[in-house]
Each structure stands twice: as C-alpha cells, then as structure tokens.
Amino acid sequence: MNQNLNLESFVNRLYEEKKFPVDLEKEVINQIKSDLLDQLENRVNAVIIGNLSPENLEEFNILLDADTSDDKMQEFFLTAIPDLSQLIATELLVFKQTYLA
C-alpha cells in the first residue's frame, strides 16, 4: 500500500511537469492520472516478474494462490530481488523520460 501511495505521488508530479492546459475538467485530469498510474504499475510489475528466478516465480505463484498479505509479498520480493529498489527507480526514471519527451 505504501508503494501505491508513492506511485500516486510520482504520477501527480508527472502530471504537473507535463504542463497540461489549466482549464481541463477535473474528470479528464483524474482519468489521465488513473491511466498513468495503471501504466506505471504495469511497468513496475513487469520489472519485478522479469527479475524473479524460475524458483522464485514458482514461490510467487504459491504466495499469490495463498492470498498473502502485501507486507509478506514485499518482504518476499526484497529477498528474492536484492537490487529491487534500484531496478524500480530506474524504471520510474525511464517512464518519466518517455512520458515527458
């Protein structure tokens, strides 16, 4: 959940940096931010899944089936992918550069 709040803050900053017209309707702004958040979550998830070993991928599927808590999942990912924070930071930077280009 904390990760999601960080991604929402990141999306809000991206929206501001993109310099959309100030007269956009609130509904349009919310849809843009929602779409950005979906894209960003998909890219971060792809980084995570793409960096799991086959053994860890099997364990991940077991945790998913067991409806494991977010905290336990986060702990699993940090153990399974020691440089996860750096990988996600790199992906956020690439996403930002692509979006603002």
PDB file of N, CA and C in Angstrom:
ATOM      1  N   MET A   1       0.841  -1.189   0.000  1.00  0.00           N
ATOM      2  CA  MET A   1       0.000   0.000   0.000  1.00  0.00           C
ATOM      3  C   MET A   1       0.883   1.248   0.000  1.00  0.00           C
ATOM      4  N   ASN A   2       1.927   1.269   0.782  1.00  0.00           N
ATOM      5  CA  ASN A   2       2.841   2.398   0.794  1.00  0.00           C
ATOM      6  C   ASN A   2       3.435   2.627  -0.591  1.00  0.00           C
ATOM      7  N   GLN A   3       3.752   1.521  -1.279  1.00  0.00           N
ATOM      8  CA  GLN A   3       4.273   1.609  -2.644  1.00  0.00           C
ATOM      9  C   GLN A   3       3.270   2.313  -3.547  1.00  0.00           C
ATOM     10  N   ASN A   4       1.995   1.986  -3.404  1.00  0.00           N
ATOM     11  CA  ASN A   4       0.969   2.593  -4.231  1.00  0.00           C
ATOM     12  C   ASN A   4       0.874   4.096  -3.980  1.00  0.00           C
ATOM     13  N   LEU A   5       0.987   4.518  -2.724  1.00  0.00           N
ATOM     14  CA  LEU A   5       0.954   5.945  -2.414  1.00  0.00           C
ATOM     15  C   LEU A   5       2.144   6.656  -3.053  1.00  0.00           C
ATOM     16  N   ASN A   6       3.311   6.007  -3.041  1.00  0.00           N
ATOM     17  CA  ASN A   6       4.479   6.588  -3.679  1.00  0.00           C
ATOM     18  C   ASN A   6       4.274   6.718  -5.184  1.00  0.00           C
ATOM     19  N   LEU A   7       3.665   5.721  -5.789  1.00  0.00           N
ATOM     20  CA  LEU A   7       3.403   5.779  -7.232  1.00  0.00           C
ATOM     21  C   LEU A   7       2.385   6.870  -7.550  1.00  0.00           C
ATOM     22  N   GLU A   8       1.395   7.032  -6.693  1.00  0.00           N
ATOM     23  CA  GLU A   8       0.411   8.101  -6.909  1.00  0.00           C
ATOM     24  C   GLU A   8       1.080   9.469  -6.823  1.00  0.00           C
ATOM     25  N   SER A   9       1.967   9.650  -5.869  1.00  0.00           N
ATOM     26  CA  SER A   9       2.700  10.915  -5.750  1.00  0.00           C
ATOM     27  C   SER A   9       3.559  11.146  -6.984  1.00  0.00           C
ATOM     28  N   PHE A  10       4.195  10.098  -7.461  1.00  0.00           N
ATOM     29  CA  PHE A  10       5.021  10.178  -8.662  1.00  0.00           C
ATOM     30  C   PHE A  10       4.172  10.604  -9.861  1.00  0.00           C
ATOM     31  N   VAL A  11       2.996   9.996  -9.997  1.00  0.00           N
ATOM     32  CA  VAL A  11       2.082  10.331 -11.097  1.00  0.00           C
ATOM     33  C   VAL A  11       1.615  11.783 -10.989  1.00  0.00           C
ATOM     34  N   ASN A  12       1.308  12.228  -9.782  1.00  0.00           N
ATOM     35  CA  ASN A  12       0.878  13.619  -9.598  1.00  0.00           C
ATOM     36  C   ASN A  12       1.969  14.592 -10.027  1.00  0.00           C
ATOM     37  N   ARG A  13       3.228  14.275  -9.682  1.00  0.00           N
ATOM     38  CA  ARG A  13       4.340  15.137 -10.094  1.00  0.00           C
ATOM     39  C   ARG A  13       4.521  15.106 -11.613  1.00  0.00           C
ATOM     40  N   LEU A  14       4.380  13.928 -12.212  1.00  0.00           N
ATOM     41  CA  LEU A  14       4.485  13.822 -13.672  1.00  0.00           C
ATOM     42  C   LEU A  14       3.416  14.669 -14.354  1.00  0.00           C
ATOM     43  N   TYR A  15       2.201  14.582 -13.830  1.00  0.00           N
ATOM     44  CA  TYR A  15       1.099  15.360 -14.406  1.00  0.00           C
ATOM     45  C   TYR A  15       1.438  16.848 -14.365  1.00  0.00           C
ATOM     46  N   GLU A  16       1.941  17.314 -13.238  1.00  0.00           N
ATOM     47  CA  GLU A  16       2.303  18.730 -13.098  1.00  0.00           C
ATOM     48  C   GLU A  16       3.418  19.114 -14.072  1.00  0.00           C
ATOM     49  N   GLU A  17       4.416  18.251 -14.206  1.00  0.00           N
ATOM     50  CA  GLU A  17       5.545  18.541 -15.079  1.00  0.00           C
ATOM     51  C   GLU A  17       5.164  18.532 -16.556  1.00  0.00           C
ATOM     52  N   LYS A  18       4.113  17.812 -16.911  1.00  0.00           N
ATOM     53  CA  LYS A  18       3.684  17.698 -18.308  1.00  0.00           C
ATOM     54  C   LYS A  18       3.060  19.007 -18.809  1.00  0.00           C
ATOM     55  N   LYS A  19       2.626  19.851 -17.890  1.00  0.00           N
ATOM     56  CA  LYS A  19       2.073  21.172 -18.230  1.00  0.00           C
ATOM     57  C   LYS A  19       0.845  21.076 -19.141  1.00  0.00           C
ATOM     58  N   PHE A  20      -0.151  20.345 -18.664  1.00  0.00           N
ATOM     59  CA  PHE A  20      -1.424  20.280 -19.377  1.00  0.00           C
ATOM     60  C   PHE A  20      -2.116  21.639 -19.285  1.00  0.00           C
ATOM     61  N   PRO A  21      -3.062  21.921 -20.199  1.00  0.00           N
ATOM     62  CA  PRO A  21      -3.823  23.172 -20.090  1.00  0.00           C
ATOM     63  C   PRO A  21      -4.522  23.261 -18.732  1.00  0.00           C
ATOM     64  N   VAL A  22      -4.546  24.454 -18.161  1.00  0.00           N
ATOM     65  CA  VAL A  22      -5.110  24.634 -16.817  1.00  0.00           C
ATOM     66  C   VAL A  22      -6.628  24.491 -16.777  1.00  0.00           C
ATOM     67  N   ASP A  23      -7.277  24.560 -17.921  1.00  0.00           N
ATOM     68  CA  ASP A  23      -8.739  24.520 -17.939  1.00  0.00           C
ATOM     69  C   ASP A  23      -9.308  23.116 -18.182  1.00  0.00           C
ATOM     70  N   LEU A  24      -8.502  22.089 -18.014  1.00  0.00           N
ATOM     71  CA  LEU A  24      -9.021  20.730 -18.162  1.00  0.00           C
ATOM     72  C   LEU A  24     -10.031  20.439 -17.058  1.00  0.00           C
ATOM     73  N   GLU A  25     -11.078  19.694 -17.423  1.00  0.00           N
ATOM     74  CA  GLU A  25     -12.079  19.320 -16.433  1.00  0.00           C
ATOM     75  C   GLU A  25     -11.481  18.328 -15.438  1.00  0.00           C
ATOM     76  N   LYS A  26     -11.971  18.372 -14.210  1.00  0.00           N
ATOM     77  CA  LYS A  26     -11.483  17.503 -13.139  1.00  0.00           C
ATOM     78  C   LYS A  26     -11.574  16.031 -13.545  1.00  0.00           C
ATOM     79  N   GLU A  27     -12.659  15.662 -14.225  1.00  0.00           N
ATOM     80  CA  GLU A  27     -12.847  14.278 -14.661  1.00  0.00           C
ATOM     81  C   GLU A  27     -11.742  13.853 -15.636  1.00  0.00           C
ATOM     82  N   VAL A  28     -11.359  14.744 -16.539  1.00  0.00           N
ATOM     83  CA  VAL A  28     -10.304  14.455 -17.511  1.00  0.00           C
ATOM     84  C   VAL A  28      -8.960  14.308 -16.791  1.00  0.00           C
ATOM     85  N   ILE A  29      -8.689  15.202 -15.868  1.00  0.00           N
ATOM     86  CA  ILE A  29      -7.449  15.152 -15.096  1.00  0.00           C
ATOM     87  C   ILE A  29      -7.359  13.827 -14.331  1.00  0.00           C
ATOM     88  N   ASN A  30      -8.454  13.451 -13.674  1.00  0.00           N
ATOM     89  CA  ASN A  30      -8.472  12.202 -12.915  1.00  0.00           C
ATOM     90  C   ASN A  30      -8.257  10.992 -13.819  1.00  0.00           C
ATOM     91  N   GLN A  31      -8.821  11.035 -15.024  1.00  0.00           N
ATOM     92  CA  GLN A  31      -8.652   9.917 -15.960  1.00  0.00           C
ATOM     93  C   GLN A  31      -7.210   9.835 -16.449  1.00  0.00           C
ATOM     94  N   ILE A  32      -6.601  10.968 -16.731  1.00  0.00           N
ATOM     95  CA  ILE A  32      -5.194  10.990 -17.155  1.00  0.00           C
ATOM     96  C   ILE A  32      -4.319  10.386 -16.056  1.00  0.00           C
ATOM     97  N   LYS A  33      -4.531  10.816 -14.825  1.00  0.00           N
ATOM     98  CA  LYS A  33      -3.734  10.313 -13.702  1.00  0.00           C
ATOM     99  C   LYS A  33      -3.978   8.821 -13.470  1.00  0.00           C
ATOM    100  N   SER A  34      -5.217   8.389 -13.603  1.00  0.00           N
ATOM    101  CA  SER A  34      -5.553   6.977 -13.432  1.00  0.00           C
ATOM    102  C   SER A  34      -4.866   6.127 -14.507  1.00  0.00           C
ATOM    103  N   ASP A  35      -4.908   6.592 -15.742  1.00  0.00           N
ATOM    104  CA  ASP A  35      -4.255   5.874 -16.841  1.00  0.00           C
ATOM    105  C   ASP A  35      -2.742   5.799 -16.628  1.00  0.00           C
ATOM    106  N   LEU A  36      -2.157   6.911 -16.191  1.00  0.00           N
ATOM    107  CA  LEU A  36      -0.719   6.934 -15.915  1.00  0.00           C
ATOM    108  C   LEU A  36      -0.360   5.944 -14.812  1.00  0.00           C
ATOM    109  N   LEU A  37      -1.159   5.931 -13.753  1.00  0.00           N
ATOM    110  CA  LEU A  37      -0.899   5.024 -12.637  1.00  0.00           C
ATOM    111  C   LEU A  37      -0.992   3.572 -13.093  1.00  0.00           C
ATOM    112  N   ASP A  38      -1.983   3.249 -13.911  1.00  0.00           N
ATOM    113  CA  ASP A  38      -2.120   1.886 -14.437  1.00  0.00           C
ATOM    114  C   ASP A  38      -0.886   1.487 -15.251  1.00  0.00           C
ATOM    115  N   GLN A  39      -0.448   2.385 -16.134  1.00  0.00           N
ATOM    116  CA  GLN A  39       0.727   2.105 -16.960  1.00  0.00           C
ATOM    117  C   GLN A  39       1.963   1.904 -16.099  1.00  0.00           C
ATOM    118  N   LEU A  40       2.125   2.762 -15.113  1.00  0.00           N
ATOM    119  CA  LEU A  40       3.288   2.701 -14.237  1.00  0.00           C
ATOM    120  C   LEU A  40       3.281   1.413 -13.410  1.00  0.00           C
ATOM    121  N   GLU A  41       2.137   1.060 -12.858  1.00  0.00           N
ATOM    122  CA  GLU A  41       2.033  -0.184 -12.083  1.00  0.00           C
ATOM    123  C   GLU A  41       2.358  -1.383 -12.950  1.00  0.00           C
ATOM    124  N   ASN A  42       1.879  -1.385 -14.196  1.00  0.00           N
ATOM    125  CA  ASN A  42       2.170  -2.491 -15.111  1.00  0.00           C
ATOM    126  C   ASN A  42       3.667  -2.604 -15.384  1.00  0.00           C
ATOM    127  N   ARG A  43       4.328  -1.470 -15.568  1.00  0.00           N
ATOM    128  CA  ARG A  43       5.767  -1.492 -15.844  1.00  0.00           C
ATOM    129  C   ARG A  43       6.565  -1.941 -14.625  1.00  0.00           C
ATOM    130  N   VAL A  44       6.181  -1.478 -13.444  1.00  0.00           N
ATOM    131  CA  VAL A  44       6.868  -1.899 -12.220  1.00  0.00           C
ATOM    132  C   VAL A  44       6.646  -3.395 -11.990  1.00  0.00           C
ATOM    133  N   ASN A  45       5.426  -3.856 -12.189  1.00  0.00           N
ATOM    134  CA  ASN A  45       5.142  -5.288 -12.038  1.00  0.00           C
ATOM    135  C   ASN A  45       5.944  -6.118 -13.033  1.00  0.00           C
ATOM    136  N   ALA A  46       6.082  -5.630 -14.258  1.00  0.00           N
ATOM    137  CA  ALA A  46       6.865  -6.340 -15.271  1.00  0.00           C
ATOM    138  C   ALA A  46       8.339  -6.439 -14.855  1.00  0.00           C
ATOM    139  N   VAL A  47       8.864  -5.363 -14.264  1.00  0.00           N
ATOM    140  CA  VAL A  47      10.246  -5.382 -13.771  1.00  0.00           C
ATOM    141  C   VAL A  47      10.389  -6.434 -12.675  1.00  0.00           C
ATOM    142  N   ILE A  48       9.443  -6.461 -11.765  1.00  0.00           N
ATOM    143  CA  ILE A  48       9.507  -7.420 -10.655  1.00  0.00           C
ATOM    144  C   ILE A  48       9.462  -8.857 -11.182  1.00  0.00           C
ATOM    145  N   ILE A  49       8.455  -9.146 -11.993  1.00  0.00           N
ATOM    146  CA  ILE A  49       8.276 -10.508 -12.508  1.00  0.00           C
ATOM    147  C   ILE A  49       9.465 -10.906 -13.390  1.00  0.00           C
ATOM    148  N   GLY A  50       9.938  -9.958 -14.188  1.00  0.00           N
ATOM    149  CA  GLY A  50      11.059 -10.236 -15.086  1.00  0.00           C
ATOM    150  C   GLY A  50      12.365 -10.514 -14.368  1.00  0.00           C
ATOM    151  N   ASN A  51      12.469 -10.132 -13.105  1.00  0.00           N
ATOM    152  CA  ASN A  51      13.702 -10.332 -12.354  1.00  0.00           C
ATOM    153  C   ASN A  51      13.616 -11.471 -11.336  1.00  0.00           C
ATOM    154  N   LEU A  52      12.529 -12.221 -11.368  1.00  0.00           N
ATOM    155  CA  LEU A  52      12.412 -13.382 -10.493  1.00  0.00           C
ATOM    156  C   LEU A  52      13.020 -14.602 -11.177  1.00  0.00           C
ATOM    157  N   SER A  53      13.776 -15.369 -10.421  1.00  0.00           N
ATOM    158  CA  SER A  53      14.307 -16.631 -10.954  1.00  0.00           C
ATOM    159  C   SER A  53      13.133 -17.599 -11.134  1.00  0.00           C
ATOM    160  N   PRO A  54      13.315 -18.660 -11.926  1.00  0.00           N
ATOM    161  CA  PRO A  54      12.218 -19.641 -12.079  1.00  0.00           C
ATOM    162  C   PRO A  54      11.742 -20.201 -10.733  1.00  0.00           C
ATOM    163  N   GLU A  55      12.683 -20.436  -9.803  1.00  0.00           N
ATOM    164  CA  GLU A  55      12.304 -20.961  -8.489  1.00  0.00           C
ATOM    165  C   GLU A  55      11.479 -19.923  -7.717  1.00  0.00           C
ATOM    166  N   ASN A  56      11.924 -18.675  -7.772  1.00  0.00           N
ATOM    167  CA  ASN A  56      11.195 -17.619  -7.076  1.00  0.00           C
ATOM    168  C   ASN A  56       9.839 -17.358  -7.719  1.00  0.00           C
ATOM    169  N   LEU A  57       9.766 -17.538  -9.027  1.00  0.00           N
ATOM    170  CA  LEU A  57       8.487 -17.368  -9.723  1.00  0.00           C
ATOM    171  C   LEU A  57       7.484 -18.417  -9.245  1.00  0.00           C
ATOM    172  N   GLU A  58       7.962 -19.639  -9.041  1.00  0.00           N
ATOM    173  CA  GLU A  58       7.088 -20.685  -8.506  1.00  0.00           C
ATOM    174  C   GLU A  58       6.601 -20.318  -7.102  1.00  0.00           C
ATOM    175  N   GLU A  59       7.523 -19.841  -6.276  1.00  0.00           N
ATOM    176  CA  GLU A  59       7.158 -19.448  -4.912  1.00  0.00           C
ATOM    177  C   GLU A  59       6.173 -18.276  -4.939  1.00  0.00           C
ATOM    178  N   PHE A  60       6.392 -17.334  -5.854  1.00  0.00           N
ATOM    179  CA  PHE A  60       5.490 -16.188  -6.015  1.00  0.00           C
ATOM    180  C   PHE A  60       4.078 -16.671  -6.339  1.00  0.00           C
ATOM    181  N   ASN A  61       3.960 -17.618  -7.253  1.00  0.00           N
ATOM    182  CA  ASN A  61       2.642 -18.148  -7.615  1.00  0.00           C
ATOM    183  C   ASN A  61       1.960 -18.810  -6.421  1.00  0.00           C
ATOM    184  N   ILE A  62       2.745 -19.491  -5.598  1.00  0.00           N
ATOM    185  CA  ILE A  62       2.184 -20.116  -4.389  1.00  0.00           C
ATOM    186  C   ILE A  62       1.682 -19.030  -3.434  1.00  0.00           C
ATOM    187  N   LEU A  63       2.477 -17.962  -3.278  1.00  0.00           N
ATOM    188  CA  LEU A  63       2.064 -16.859  -2.396  1.00  0.00           C
ATOM    189  C   LEU A  63       0.800 -16.181  -2.925  1.00  0.00           C
ATOM    190  N   LEU A  64       0.721 -16.035  -4.240  1.00  0.00           N
ATOM    191  CA  LEU A  64      -0.486 -15.441  -4.835  1.00  0.00           C
ATOM    192  C   LEU A  64      -1.713 -16.299  -4.547  1.00  0.00           C
ATOM    193  N   ASP A  65      -1.570 -17.598  -4.757  1.00  0.00           N
ATOM    194  CA  ASP A  65      -2.690 -18.513  -4.519  1.00  0.00           C
ATOM    195  C   ASP A  65      -3.117 -18.518  -3.053  1.00  0.00           C
ATOM    196  N   ALA A  66      -2.152 -18.254  -2.149  1.00  0.00           N
ATOM    197  CA  ALA A  66      -2.438 -18.264  -0.716  1.00  0.00           C
ATOM    198  C   ALA A  66      -2.996 -16.925  -0.231  1.00  0.00           C
ATOM    199  N   ASP A  67      -3.180 -15.981  -1.151  1.00  0.00           N
ATOM    200  CA  ASP A  67      -3.700 -14.655  -0.804  1.00  0.00           C
ATOM    201  C   ASP A  67      -2.857 -14.011   0.305  1.00  0.00           C
ATOM    202  N   THR A  68      -1.553 -14.006   0.070  1.00  0.00           N
ATOM    203  CA  THR A  68      -0.569 -13.492   1.026  1.00  0.00           C
ATOM    204  C   THR A  68      -0.709 -11.981   1.192  1.00  0.00           C
ATOM    205  N   SER A  69      -0.441 -11.491   2.397  1.00  0.00           N
ATOM    206  CA  SER A  69      -0.557 -10.056   2.679  1.00  0.00           C
ATOM    207  C   SER A  69       0.468  -9.264   1.874  1.00  0.00           C
ATOM    208  N   ASP A  70       0.183  -7.977   1.685  1.00  0.00           N
ATOM    209  CA  ASP A  70       1.087  -7.091   0.950  1.00  0.00           C
ATOM    210  C   ASP A  70       2.459  -7.020   1.616  1.00  0.00           C
ATOM    211  N   ASP A  71       2.476  -6.979   2.939  1.00  0.00           N
ATOM    212  CA  ASP A  71       3.746  -6.907   3.658  1.00  0.00           C
ATOM    213  C   ASP A  71       4.601  -8.144   3.404  1.00  0.00           C
ATOM    214  N   LYS A  72       3.973  -9.304   3.433  1.00  0.00           N
ATOM    215  CA  LYS A  72       4.705 -10.562   3.186  1.00  0.00           C
ATOM    216  C   LYS A  72       5.200 -10.604   1.737  1.00  0.00           C
ATOM    217  N   MET A  73       4.384 -10.128   0.820  1.00  0.00           N
ATOM    218  CA  MET A  73       4.790 -10.099  -0.599  1.00  0.00           C
ATOM    219  C   MET A  73       5.989  -9.177  -0.777  1.00  0.00           C
ATOM    220  N   GLN A  74       5.924  -8.018  -0.165  1.00  0.00           N
ATOM    221  CA  GLN A  74       7.020  -7.066  -0.280  1.00  0.00           C
ATOM    222  C   GLN A  74       8.301  -7.666   0.300  1.00  0.00           C
ATOM    223  N   GLU A  75       8.185  -8.320   1.424  1.00  0.00           N
ATOM    224  CA  GLU A  75       9.331  -8.982   2.048  1.00  0.00           C
ATOM    225  C   GLU A  75       9.905 -10.052   1.110  1.00  0.00           C
ATOM    226  N   PHE A  76       9.025 -10.814   0.481  1.00  0.00           N
ATOM    227  CA  PHE A  76       9.461 -11.843  -0.473  1.00  0.00           C
ATOM    228  C   PHE A  76      10.230 -11.211  -1.633  1.00  0.00           C
ATOM    229  N   PHE A  77       9.672 -10.149  -2.208  1.00  0.00           N
ATOM    230  CA  PHE A  77      10.326  -9.517  -3.354  1.00  0.00           C
ATOM    231  C   PHE A  77      11.690  -8.942  -2.988  1.00  0.00           C
ATOM    232  N   LEU A  78      11.776  -8.321  -1.821  1.00  0.00           N
ATOM    233  CA  LEU A  78      13.049  -7.733  -1.393  1.00  0.00           C
ATOM    234  C   LEU A  78      14.109  -8.814  -1.152  1.00  0.00           C
ATOM    235  N   THR A  79      13.689  -9.977  -0.710  1.00  0.00           N
ATOM    236  CA  THR A  79      14.616 -11.092  -0.512  1.00  0.00           C
ATOM    237  C   THR A  79      14.987 -11.724  -1.851  1.00  0.00           C
ATOM    238  N   ALA A  80      13.995 -11.904  -2.707  1.00  0.00           N
ATOM    239  CA  ALA A  80      14.215 -12.584  -3.988  1.00  0.00           C
ATOM    240  C   ALA A  80      14.985 -11.712  -4.987  1.00  0.00           C
ATOM    241  N   ILE A  81      14.820 -10.386  -4.874  1.00  0.00           N
ATOM    242  CA  ILE A  81      15.469  -9.455  -5.806  1.00  0.00           C
ATOM    243  C   ILE A  81      16.186  -8.392  -4.971  1.00  0.00           C
ATOM    244  N   PRO A  82      17.429  -8.669  -4.578  1.00  0.00           N
ATOM    245  CA  PRO A  82      18.143  -7.761  -3.670  1.00  0.00           C
ATOM    246  C   PRO A  82      18.255  -6.320  -4.170  1.00  0.00           C
ATOM    247  N   ASP A  83      18.364  -6.111  -5.475  1.00  0.00           N
ATOM    248  CA  ASP A  83      18.503  -4.755  -6.017  1.00  0.00           C
ATOM    249  C   ASP A  83      17.174  -4.207  -6.544  1.00  0.00           C
ATOM    250  N   LEU A  84      16.074  -4.672  -5.952  1.00  0.00           N
ATOM    251  CA  LEU A  84      14.745  -4.281  -6.420  1.00  0.00           C
ATOM    252  C   LEU A  84      14.523  -2.774  -6.399  1.00  0.00           C
ATOM    253  N   SER A  85      14.929  -2.122  -5.331  1.00  0.00           N
ATOM    254  CA  SER A  85      14.722  -0.670  -5.237  1.00  0.00           C
ATOM    255  C   SER A  85      15.402   0.057  -6.393  1.00  0.00           C
ATOM    256  N   GLN A  86      16.615  -0.355  -6.724  1.00  0.00           N
ATOM    257  CA  GLN A  86      17.348   0.267  -7.826  1.00  0.00           C
ATOM    258  C   GLN A  86      16.667  -0.019  -9.170  1.00  0.00           C
ATOM    259  N   LEU A  87      16.193  -1.233  -9.350  1.00  0.00           N
ATOM    260  CA  LEU A  87      15.508  -1.598 -10.590  1.00  0.00           C
ATOM    261  C   LEU A  87      14.233  -0.774 -10.774  1.00  0.00           C
ATOM    262  N   ILE A  88      13.483  -0.607  -9.695  1.00  0.00           N
ATOM    263  CA  ILE A  88      12.240   0.177  -9.773  1.00  0.00           C
ATOM    264  C   ILE A  88      12.566   1.648 -10.020  1.00  0.00           C
ATOM    265  N   ALA A  89      13.584   2.170  -9.341  1.00  0.00           N
ATOM    266  CA  ALA A  89      13.975   3.568  -9.542  1.00  0.00           C
ATOM    267  C   ALA A  89      14.365   3.813 -10.998  1.00  0.00           C
ATOM    268  N   THR A  90      15.091   2.882 -11.578  1.00  0.00           N
ATOM    269  CA  THR A  90      15.485   3.001 -12.987  1.00  0.00           C
ATOM    270  C   THR A  90      14.258   2.994 -13.884  1.00  0.00           C
ATOM    271  N   GLU A  91      13.321   2.114 -13.602  1.00  0.00           N
ATOM    272  CA  GLU A  91      12.096   2.034 -14.413  1.00  0.00           C
ATOM    273  C   GLU A  91      11.278   3.315 -14.301  1.00  0.00           C
ATOM    274  N   LEU A  92      11.205   3.897 -13.095  1.00  0.00           N
ATOM    275  CA  LEU A  92      10.481   5.155 -12.915  1.00  0.00           C
ATOM    276  C   LEU A  92      11.142   6.272 -13.721  1.00  0.00           C
ATOM    277  N   LEU A  93      12.463   6.297 -13.725  1.00  0.00           N
ATOM    278  CA  LEU A  93      13.183   7.313 -14.486  1.00  0.00           C
ATOM    279  C   LEU A  93      12.933   7.159 -15.989  1.00  0.00           C
ATOM    280  N   VAL A  94      12.986   5.945 -16.483  1.00  0.00           N
ATOM    281  CA  VAL A  94      12.719   5.690 -17.903  1.00  0.00           C
ATOM    282  C   VAL A  94      11.283   6.093 -18.245  1.00  0.00           C
ATOM    283  N   PHE A  95      10.345   5.736 -17.374  1.00  0.00           N
ATOM    284  CA  PHE A  95       8.937   6.086 -17.598  1.00  0.00           C
ATOM    285  C   PHE A  95       8.778   7.604 -17.669  1.00  0.00           C
ATOM    286  N   LYS A  96       9.408   8.306 -16.747  1.00  0.00           N
ATOM    287  CA  LYS A  96       9.322   9.757 -16.705  1.00  0.00           C
ATOM    288  C   LYS A  96       9.910  10.378 -17.978  1.00  0.00           C
ATOM    289  N   GLN A  97      11.078   9.918 -18.363  1.00  0.00           N
ATOM    290  CA  GLN A  97      11.718  10.467 -19.556  1.00  0.00           C
ATOM    291  C   GLN A  97      10.873  10.222 -20.795  1.00  0.00           C
ATOM    292  N   THR A  98      10.294   9.044 -20.901  1.00  0.00           N
ATOM    293  CA  THR A  98       9.438   8.712 -22.043  1.00  0.00           C
ATOM    294  C   THR A  98       8.183   9.566 -22.043  1.00  0.00           C
ATOM    295  N   TYR A  99       7.552   9.707 -20.893  1.00  0.00           N
ATOM    296  CA  TYR A  99       6.302  10.445 -20.795  1.00  0.00           C
ATOM    297  C   TYR A  99       6.480  11.938 -21.066  1.00  0.00           C
ATOM    298  N   LEU A 100       7.559  12.490 -20.557  1.00  0.00           N
ATOM    299  CA  LEU A 100       7.764  13.937 -20.711  1.00  0.00           C
ATOM    300  C   LEU A 100       8.418  14.306 -22.042  1.00  0.00           C
ATOM    301  N   ALA A 101       8.864  13.331 -22.801  1.00  0.00           N
ATOM    302  CA  ALA A 101       9.531  13.608 -24.083  1.00  0.00           C
ATOM    303  C   ALA A 101       8.591  14.209 -25.100  1.00  0.00           C
TER     304      ALA A 101
END
